Protein backbone atom coordinates (compact mmCIF):
# COMPACT_ATOMS: atom_id res chain seq x y z
CA UNK A 1 -12.75 -18.89 -14.44
CA UNK A 2 -10.39 -16.38 -13.29
CA UNK A 3 -7.96 -14.97 -16.14
CA UNK A 4 -4.58 -13.65 -15.71
CA UNK A 5 -4.18 -10.16 -15.99
CA UNK A 6 -2.46 -8.90 -19.44
CA UNK A 7 -0.21 -6.31 -18.16
CA UNK A 8 -2.58 -3.79 -18.54
CA UNK A 9 -3.40 0.05 -17.33
CA UNK A 10 -0.21 0.89 -16.01
CA UNK A 11 3.50 0.34 -17.27
CA UNK A 12 6.76 0.58 -14.94
CA UNK A 13 8.08 3.58 -17.72
CA UNK A 14 5.50 5.99 -15.74
CA UNK A 15 8.08 5.49 -12.65
CA UNK A 16 10.68 6.96 -14.85
CA UNK A 17 8.63 9.88 -15.73
CA UNK A 18 8.12 10.78 -12.16
CA UNK A 19 11.24 10.02 -10.97
CA UNK A 20 12.39 13.46 -13.01
CA UNK A 21 9.86 15.46 -11.41
CA UNK A 22 10.95 18.61 -9.20
CA UNK A 23 11.96 17.60 -5.97
CA UNK A 24 9.52 20.35 -4.61
CA UNK A 25 6.79 19.60 -6.05
CA UNK A 26 4.05 17.88 -4.45
CA UNK A 27 0.93 18.39 -6.49
CA UNK A 28 1.16 15.17 -8.65
CA UNK A 29 -0.27 16.21 -12.41
CA UNK A 30 -0.70 14.58 -16.01
CA UNK A 31 -3.65 16.72 -16.95
CA UNK A 32 -4.29 20.55 -16.54
CA UNK A 33 -5.98 19.49 -12.88
CA UNK A 34 -3.26 19.18 -10.06
CA UNK A 35 -4.23 16.22 -7.45
CA UNK A 36 -3.05 16.91 -3.93
CA UNK A 37 -2.11 13.69 -2.53
CA UNK A 38 -1.52 13.17 1.42
CA UNK A 39 0.05 9.81 2.52
CA UNK A 40 -0.84 8.30 6.01
CA UNK A 41 1.27 5.63 7.46
CA UNK A 42 -0.88 3.78 9.86
CA UNK A 43 0.96 2.17 12.97
CA UNK A 44 0.28 0.40 15.86
CA UNK A 45 2.36 -0.99 18.54
CA UNK A 46 0.15 -4.11 19.30
CA UNK A 47 1.38 -6.57 16.34
CA UNK A 48 0.92 -10.38 17.00
CA UNK A 49 3.32 -12.44 14.85
CA UNK A 50 6.13 -9.63 15.58
CA UNK A 51 5.46 -7.89 18.88
CA UNK A 52 6.42 -4.34 18.67
CA UNK A 53 7.60 -4.85 15.17
CA UNK A 54 7.27 -0.59 14.94
CA UNK A 55 9.73 -0.21 17.20
CA UNK A 56 12.18 -2.64 16.05
CA UNK A 57 15.73 -1.40 15.03
CA UNK A 58 16.98 -1.21 11.64
CA UNK A 59 20.19 0.09 11.27
CA UNK A 60 20.00 1.85 14.60
CA UNK A 61 16.60 3.24 13.22
CA UNK A 62 12.61 2.21 14.81
CA UNK A 63 10.99 0.51 12.02
CA UNK A 64 8.33 3.09 11.81
CA UNK A 65 11.18 5.75 11.32
CA UNK A 66 12.38 4.00 8.20
CA UNK A 67 9.31 3.86 6.81
CA UNK A 68 8.45 7.13 7.35
CA UNK A 69 11.74 8.59 6.15
CA UNK A 70 11.23 6.51 2.52
CA UNK A 71 7.52 8.11 1.87
CA UNK A 72 9.02 11.43 2.60
CA UNK A 73 11.48 11.10 -0.33
CA UNK A 74 8.48 11.17 -2.78
CA UNK A 75 8.43 14.68 -4.19
CA UNK A 76 4.25 14.23 -5.17
CA UNK A 77 3.23 14.47 -1.80
CA UNK A 78 1.47 17.34 -0.26
CA UNK A 79 1.96 15.86 3.47
CA UNK A 80 3.31 12.44 4.83
CA UNK A 81 1.57 11.71 8.56
CA UNK A 82 2.15 8.54 11.02
CA UNK A 83 -1.29 7.53 12.48
CA UNK A 84 -1.29 5.63 15.45
CA UNK A 85 -2.83 4.76 18.82
CA UNK A 86 0.60 4.68 20.61
CA UNK A 87 1.69 7.34 22.87
CA UNK A 88 5.51 5.42 23.04
CA UNK A 89 5.04 5.60 19.04
CA UNK A 90 4.14 9.21 19.04
CA UNK A 91 6.90 10.42 22.11
CA UNK A 92 9.35 8.78 19.61
CA UNK A 93 7.83 10.47 16.33
CA UNK A 94 8.25 13.97 18.50
CA UNK A 95 12.04 13.25 19.40
CA UNK A 96 12.69 12.73 15.48
CA UNK A 97 10.62 15.65 14.24
CA UNK A 98 8.68 12.89 12.38
CA UNK A 99 5.14 14.29 11.59
CA UNK A 100 2.49 12.09 13.73
CA UNK A 101 -0.64 12.13 14.89
CA UNK A 102 -2.77 9.86 17.55
CA UNK A 103 -6.27 7.95 16.12
CA UNK A 104 -8.56 6.26 17.94
CA UNK A 105 -7.60 2.58 19.65
CA UNK A 106 -10.89 1.25 18.21
CA UNK A 107 -9.75 1.31 14.88
CA UNK A 108 -9.80 -2.60 13.62
CA UNK A 109 -7.78 -1.72 10.21
CA UNK A 110 -5.14 0.89 9.25
CA UNK A 111 -7.96 1.81 6.25
CA UNK A 112 -9.90 3.05 9.43
CA UNK A 113 -7.19 4.92 10.54
CA UNK A 114 -6.65 6.71 7.38
CA UNK A 115 -10.23 7.67 7.03
CA UNK A 116 -9.59 9.41 10.76
CA UNK A 117 -7.05 11.27 9.15
CA UNK A 118 -9.09 12.23 5.88
CA UNK A 119 -11.49 14.28 8.42
CA UNK A 120 -8.84 16.47 9.66
CA UNK A 121 -6.90 16.91 6.39
CA UNK A 122 -8.42 17.39 2.89
CA UNK A 123 -6.66 16.19 -0.03
CA UNK A 124 -8.13 14.81 -3.32
CA UNK A 125 -6.16 11.38 -3.00
CA UNK A 126 -5.20 9.54 0.65
CA UNK A 127 -2.05 7.25 -0.23
CA UNK A 128 -1.81 4.46 2.58
CA UNK A 129 1.41 3.30 3.34
CA UNK A 130 1.63 0.23 6.10
CA UNK A 131 3.96 1.32 8.76
CA UNK A 132 5.98 -2.31 8.56
CA UNK A 133 6.65 -1.36 4.62
CA UNK A 134 10.53 -0.11 4.92
CA UNK A 135 11.20 -0.55 0.96
CA UNK A 136 8.78 1.63 0.27
CA UNK A 137 10.42 3.80 -2.76
CA UNK A 138 9.05 7.01 -4.42
CA UNK A 139 8.49 5.05 -7.59
CA UNK A 140 5.60 2.91 -5.76
CA UNK A 141 3.93 6.08 -4.89
CA UNK A 142 4.41 7.67 -8.59
CA UNK A 143 2.63 4.62 -9.70
CA UNK A 144 -0.44 4.43 -7.75
CA UNK A 145 -1.13 8.61 -8.35
CA UNK A 146 -1.01 7.32 -11.61
CA UNK A 147 -3.78 4.38 -11.45
CA UNK A 148 -6.14 7.45 -9.57
CA UNK A 149 -5.16 9.93 -12.89
CA UNK A 150 -8.24 7.58 -13.61
CA UNK A 151 -11.01 9.85 -12.68
CA UNK A 152 -13.23 6.14 -12.49
CA UNK A 153 -10.64 4.80 -10.01
CA UNK A 154 -11.59 5.39 -6.25
CA UNK A 155 -9.59 2.74 -5.29
CA UNK A 156 -6.11 2.12 -6.52
CA UNK A 157 -3.32 -0.84 -5.43
CA UNK A 158 -0.17 -2.03 -6.79
CA UNK A 159 1.13 -5.35 -8.25
CA UNK A 160 4.82 -7.04 -9.24
CA UNK A 161 5.34 -10.02 -11.17
CA UNK A 162 5.50 -12.62 -8.74
CA UNK A 163 8.89 -14.21 -7.99
CA UNK A 164 8.49 -18.20 -8.27
CA UNK A 165 8.79 -18.75 -4.46
CA UNK A 166 6.26 -16.34 -3.99
CA UNK A 167 3.47 -18.16 -6.28
CA UNK A 168 2.51 -20.84 -3.99
CA UNK A 169 3.18 -19.03 -0.49
CA UNK A 170 -0.03 -17.70 1.14
CA UNK A 171 1.59 -14.76 2.90
CA UNK A 172 2.37 -13.32 -0.79
CA UNK A 173 -1.05 -12.46 -1.81
CA UNK A 174 -1.97 -12.95 -5.69
CA UNK A 175 -3.80 -10.63 -7.77
CA UNK A 176 -5.69 -11.21 -11.04
CA UNK A 177 -7.41 -8.66 -12.99
CA UNK A 178 -9.52 -7.76 -15.79
CA UNK A 179 -8.08 -6.28 -19.75
CA UNK A 180 -8.49 -2.98 -18.03
CA UNK A 181 -6.50 -3.19 -14.64
CA UNK A 182 -9.51 -3.81 -12.52
CA UNK A 183 -8.74 -6.49 -9.54
CA UNK A 184 -11.16 -9.60 -10.16
CA UNK A 185 -9.44 -11.18 -6.82
CA UNK A 186 -7.13 -11.19 -4.63
CA UNK A 187 -6.25 -14.81 -2.88
CA UNK A 188 -3.83 -16.24 -0.74
CA UNK A 189 -4.13 -19.14 -2.94
CA UNK A 190 -2.55 -19.58 -6.48
CA UNK A 191 -4.35 -17.98 -8.72
CA UNK A 192 -4.97 -18.40 -11.63
CA UNK A 193 -4.97 -21.78 -11.16
CA UNK A 194 -2.59 -23.90 -14.00
CA UNK A 195 -5.02 -26.62 -15.10
CA UNK A 196 -3.34 -27.33 -18.40
CA UNK A 197 0.07 -26.20 -17.89
CA UNK A 198 0.08 -22.93 -19.63
CA UNK A 199 2.33 -20.79 -17.69
CA UNK A 200 -0.03 -17.72 -16.76
CA UNK A 201 2.05 -14.77 -15.18
CA UNK A 202 1.27 -14.61 -11.79
CA UNK A 203 1.56 -11.13 -9.69
CA UNK A 204 1.99 -10.44 -5.95
CA UNK A 205 -0.30 -7.93 -4.41
CA UNK A 206 2.14 -5.24 -2.71
CA UNK A 207 0.20 -3.39 0.11
CA UNK A 208 0.02 0.11 -1.21
CA UNK A 209 -3.29 1.84 -1.56
CA UNK A 210 -4.88 5.01 -3.04
CA UNK A 211 -8.46 5.92 -2.05
CA UNK A 212 -10.53 9.06 -2.83
CA UNK A 213 -12.84 10.07 0.08
CA UNK A 214 -16.30 8.78 -0.63
CA UNK A 215 -14.26 5.06 -1.11
CA UNK A 216 -12.94 5.98 2.53
CA UNK A 217 -16.04 7.27 4.05
CA UNK A 218 -18.35 4.16 2.42
CA UNK A 219 -15.51 1.56 3.45
CA UNK A 220 -15.82 2.41 7.09
CA UNK A 221 -20.07 2.10 7.40
CA UNK A 222 -19.55 -1.75 5.52
CA UNK A 223 -19.43 -4.53 8.06
CA UNK A 224 -16.32 -7.39 7.34
CA UNK A 225 -17.65 -9.40 4.52
CA UNK A 226 -17.41 -12.99 4.30
CA UNK A 227 -14.29 -13.20 1.48
CA UNK A 228 -12.04 -10.79 3.91
CA UNK A 229 -13.18 -13.21 6.87
CA UNK A 230 -12.05 -16.16 4.85
CA UNK A 231 -9.01 -14.79 3.30
CA UNK A 232 -7.99 -11.92 5.94
CA UNK A 233 -8.00 -9.77 3.46
CA UNK A 234 -9.33 -6.43 3.86
CA UNK A 235 -9.63 -4.89 0.11
CA UNK A 236 -12.07 -7.96 -0.80
CA UNK A 237 -14.91 -5.85 1.34
CA UNK A 238 -14.29 -3.18 -1.64
CA UNK A 239 -14.80 -6.21 -3.90
CA UNK A 240 -17.80 -7.52 -2.36
CA UNK A 241 -19.68 -4.37 -2.25
CA UNK A 242 -19.01 -3.54 -5.74
CA UNK A 243 -16.57 -0.79 -5.69
CA UNK A 244 -13.31 -1.51 -7.90
CA UNK A 245 -9.83 -1.62 -7.34
CA UNK A 246 -7.12 -0.59 -9.66
CA UNK A 247 -4.00 -1.94 -10.12
CA UNK A 248 -0.92 -0.70 -11.08
CA UNK A 249 2.01 -2.71 -12.16
CA UNK A 250 5.81 -1.83 -10.75
CA UNK A 251 9.10 -3.53 -11.20
CA UNK A 252 9.73 -2.99 -7.30
CA UNK A 253 9.25 -5.84 -5.13
CA UNK A 254 8.23 -4.65 -1.50
CA UNK A 255 8.50 -7.10 2.02
CA UNK A 256 6.21 -6.22 4.69
CA UNK A 257 7.67 -6.97 7.98
CA UNK A 258 5.77 -9.50 9.72
CA UNK A 259 8.57 -11.83 11.27
CA UNK A 260 11.99 -12.03 12.28
CA UNK A 261 12.77 -13.42 9.23
CA UNK A 262 11.39 -10.62 7.10
CA UNK A 263 13.33 -8.44 9.06
CA UNK A 264 16.65 -10.07 8.12
CA UNK A 265 15.61 -9.90 4.62
CA UNK A 266 14.43 -6.25 4.86
CA UNK A 267 18.39 -5.29 6.32
CA UNK A 268 19.73 -7.27 3.55
CA UNK A 269 17.91 -5.68 0.85
CA UNK A 270 18.67 -2.29 2.20
CA UNK A 271 22.42 -3.11 2.52
CA UNK A 272 22.49 -3.61 -0.88
CA UNK A 273 20.73 -0.55 -2.06
């Protein structure tokens, strides 16, 4: 039976640690070996639920620009690159001096787009920030890099305590982990199931990822997995193929923009910052 996470390996206090780092530092380190990290923002124009969402405006700026500038605010990154297959997005990026590159139009996922960029730019860790995550904070990136300080971690991601309304919501992905912070499963269902009313802690998965190059290289050779098809969650491809995913906990929730309602929620949250 899947068990609820005992808030294991990565505590929110690490975010306060990294907020004190020098603004010009782009090599994260808690040990003697620095870790070069590059953030990649996959951005395609052909979204289905919210058409052309990358170019929808928030406070007069396209969504992709809001995300780019949010990611750039982290002092821990060597570079930030928008990876797109859209000439229209590229044009807007050039006009605003946002660092962007064209990638193949045949990619099936943002992870494959990140993999293409990893073949052009050398780094110890590649951070995947989806182009529809305008509430990205420097603390998210700091927590991801803290997860990857563990040399056993080939893939890292984040979770946050789930709000009550998110627990039954299939659009809010839940995650359960083992006692060492490795993911046991991600699901749109309510996991763990509270059979006896013990009120376990529920955690919502946030769509921020960190990868080492070998994990990316392997991912793109693997076929879509059965659980991935069922849940429509590509991270399950890693788990089904025996590649562990390590979780860091953050108090900072995020809202991925998939609908008009999501867009309005983001506008409201940004106005409160």
